[in-house]
């Protein structure tokens, strides 16, 4: 039935009563536009989700990471690590349910949901408006790891203007 641990994990990640709906939703959603537009909508949905969460403690990077991880744990959405680099902050989201929920075909656009969540959190904490959070690279670990980078941006993506 399962060939590896990731397949087993993915089978457990999405409740059975939602699998058929989410598969149909994902297929229909993907047929409605360009990847750029689908990402914009998912980004906005992530922002809306994050607005519903309790205020997070931004007094330190560790406090923020712990607060986000507490929420993700309650949702069974994996966990994050935050790492400082020279000119950016990295958010690595591990054990994401996106592939299990929407399918591998959705990996070009579904990670924008997480991007929107983290962008909204940073904005609510008073992030400098010259900073932007963007997905960095392709999904890793068979669609289970997404990396986002918060850094100063020169050009503004079309969906950031719709806040």
Protein backbone atom coordinates (compact mmCIF):
# COMPACT_ATOMS: atom_id res chain seq x y z
CA UNK A 1 0.00 0.00 0.00
CA UNK A 2 2.71 2.52 1.00
CA UNK A 3 6.15 2.58 -0.53
CA UNK A 4 7.75 5.01 1.92
CA UNK A 5 7.19 7.09 5.03
CA UNK A 6 6.15 10.18 3.06
CA UNK A 7 3.31 8.31 1.33
CA UNK A 8 2.10 7.00 4.68
CA UNK A 9 2.31 10.45 6.23
CA UNK A 10 0.44 12.08 3.33
CA UNK A 11 -2.34 9.50 3.62
CA UNK A 12 -2.79 10.51 7.27
CA UNK A 13 -2.54 14.26 6.67
CA UNK A 14 -5.89 14.95 5.01
CA UNK A 15 -9.11 13.64 6.58
CA UNK A 16 -10.87 11.15 4.27
CA UNK A 17 -14.13 13.11 4.22
CA UNK A 18 -12.31 16.05 2.58
CA UNK A 19 -10.12 14.23 0.03
CA UNK A 20 -12.67 13.99 -2.80
CA UNK A 21 -13.83 17.58 -2.30
CA UNK A 22 -10.31 19.01 -2.16
CA UNK A 23 -9.25 17.01 -5.24
CA UNK A 24 -12.24 18.34 -7.19
CA UNK A 25 -11.67 21.86 -5.85
CA UNK A 26 -8.01 21.77 -6.78
CA UNK A 27 -8.68 20.55 -10.33
CA UNK A 28 -11.41 23.13 -10.93
CA UNK A 29 -9.44 25.93 -9.30
CA UNK A 30 -6.35 25.16 -11.41
CA UNK A 31 -8.44 25.28 -14.60
CA UNK A 32 -9.61 28.83 -13.87
CA UNK A 33 -6.47 30.84 -14.39
CA UNK A 34 -2.77 31.29 -14.73
CA UNK A 35 -0.46 30.12 -11.93
CA UNK A 36 0.30 33.77 -11.09
CA UNK A 37 -3.41 34.48 -10.53
CA UNK A 38 -3.95 31.27 -8.55
CA UNK A 39 -1.00 32.17 -6.32
CA UNK A 40 -2.46 35.65 -5.79
CA UNK A 41 -5.75 34.20 -4.60
CA UNK A 42 -4.09 31.63 -2.35
CA UNK A 43 -1.86 34.38 -0.92
CA UNK A 44 -4.95 36.44 -0.08
CA UNK A 45 -6.67 33.42 1.50
CA UNK A 46 -3.59 32.89 3.67
CA UNK A 47 -3.74 36.51 4.81
CA UNK A 48 -7.40 36.11 5.75
CA UNK A 49 -6.61 32.94 7.71
CA UNK A 50 -3.81 34.66 9.64
CA UNK A 51 -6.07 37.59 10.56
CA UNK A 52 -8.28 35.12 12.45
CA UNK A 53 -5.43 33.94 14.66
CA UNK A 54 -4.64 35.33 18.07
CA UNK A 55 -1.97 38.01 18.27
CA UNK A 56 1.50 36.49 18.30
CA UNK A 57 4.43 37.41 20.51
CA UNK A 58 7.00 39.10 18.32
CA UNK A 59 9.39 40.02 21.15
CA UNK A 60 11.95 37.56 19.81
CA UNK A 61 12.37 35.27 16.85
CA UNK A 62 12.08 32.25 19.15
CA UNK A 63 8.85 33.54 20.72
CA UNK A 64 7.36 34.13 17.27
CA UNK A 65 8.44 30.71 16.01
CA UNK A 66 6.97 29.05 19.12
CA UNK A 67 3.67 30.92 18.71
CA UNK A 68 3.31 30.00 15.06
CA UNK A 69 4.25 26.39 15.80
CA UNK A 70 1.58 26.18 18.50
CA UNK A 71 -1.06 27.22 15.96
CA UNK A 72 0.28 24.90 13.26
CA UNK A 73 0.34 22.00 15.74
CA UNK A 74 -3.33 22.55 16.60
CA UNK A 75 -4.17 22.52 12.90
CA UNK A 76 -1.92 19.51 12.15
CA UNK A 77 -0.13 21.64 9.54
CA UNK A 78 3.48 20.82 10.35
CA UNK A 79 6.00 23.19 11.91
CA UNK A 80 8.35 26.01 11.01
CA UNK A 81 11.93 27.00 11.66
CA UNK A 82 13.05 30.61 11.37
CA UNK A 83 16.66 31.34 10.56
CA UNK A 84 18.43 34.64 10.15
CA UNK A 85 20.68 35.11 7.17
CA UNK A 86 22.83 38.10 6.35
CA UNK A 87 20.13 40.10 4.52
CA UNK A 88 16.99 38.06 5.09
CA UNK A 89 14.90 35.98 7.43
CA UNK A 90 14.13 32.43 6.32
CA UNK A 91 10.91 30.63 7.24
CA UNK A 92 11.10 26.89 6.52
CA UNK A 93 7.71 25.18 6.76
CA UNK A 94 8.12 21.44 7.34
CA UNK A 95 5.52 18.66 7.02
CA UNK A 96 3.10 20.82 5.08
CA UNK A 97 -0.33 19.33 4.32
CA UNK A 98 -0.67 21.17 1.00
CA UNK A 99 0.35 18.30 -1.27
CA UNK A 100 -1.85 15.85 0.62
CA UNK A 101 -4.81 18.25 0.50
CA UNK A 102 -4.56 19.63 -3.04
CA UNK A 103 -2.34 17.12 -4.86
CA UNK A 104 1.08 17.36 -6.43
CA UNK A 105 -0.38 19.23 -9.41
CA UNK A 106 -1.19 22.13 -7.08
CA UNK A 107 2.38 22.62 -5.86
CA UNK A 108 3.02 25.51 -8.29
CA UNK A 109 0.24 27.61 -6.66
CA UNK A 110 -0.80 26.15 -3.28
CA UNK A 111 2.32 27.25 -1.32
CA UNK A 112 1.19 30.86 -1.75
CA UNK A 113 -1.36 30.09 1.00
CA UNK A 114 1.48 29.73 3.50
CA UNK A 115 3.24 32.74 2.00
CA UNK A 116 0.13 34.83 2.67
CA UNK A 117 -0.14 33.55 6.23
CA UNK A 118 3.44 34.49 7.07
CA UNK A 119 3.27 37.82 5.21
CA UNK A 120 0.21 38.77 7.25
CA UNK A 121 1.83 37.74 10.52
CA UNK A 122 4.90 39.86 9.81
CA UNK A 123 2.73 42.78 8.74
CA UNK A 124 0.66 42.56 11.93
CA UNK A 125 3.91 42.68 13.91
CA UNK A 126 4.84 45.96 12.22
CA UNK A 127 7.16 44.73 9.48
CA UNK A 128 8.98 47.44 7.55
CA UNK A 129 6.96 48.06 4.36
CA UNK A 130 10.09 47.74 2.20
CA UNK A 131 10.32 44.04 3.13
CA UNK A 132 8.51 41.27 1.26
CA UNK A 133 8.02 37.61 1.99
CA UNK A 134 8.35 35.34 -1.06
CA UNK A 135 8.66 31.63 -1.66
CA UNK A 136 12.26 30.66 -2.25
CA UNK A 137 12.79 27.89 -4.76
CA UNK A 138 10.68 24.85 -5.43
CA UNK A 139 9.08 22.63 -2.78
CA UNK A 140 11.53 20.14 -1.28
CA UNK A 141 11.31 16.80 0.51
CA UNK A 142 8.68 15.50 -1.91
CA UNK A 143 6.40 18.51 -1.44
CA UNK A 144 6.65 18.56 2.35
CA UNK A 145 9.05 21.51 2.78
CA UNK A 146 8.48 25.08 1.61
CA UNK A 147 10.99 27.84 2.19
CA UNK A 148 10.08 31.51 2.34
CA UNK A 149 12.39 34.49 2.50
CA UNK A 150 11.67 37.86 4.08
CA UNK A 151 13.91 40.54 2.60
CA UNK A 152 14.00 43.98 1.01
CA UNK A 153 12.45 43.90 -2.45
CA UNK A 154 13.00 46.23 -5.38
CA UNK A 155 9.91 45.26 -7.38
CA UNK A 156 6.49 44.70 -5.89
CA UNK A 157 4.47 41.70 -7.00
CA UNK A 158 1.00 42.52 -8.36
CA UNK A 159 -0.89 40.93 -5.47
CA UNK A 160 0.87 42.80 -2.69
CA UNK A 161 -0.86 45.99 -3.80
CA UNK A 162 -4.28 44.52 -2.88
CA UNK A 163 -3.84 44.50 0.91
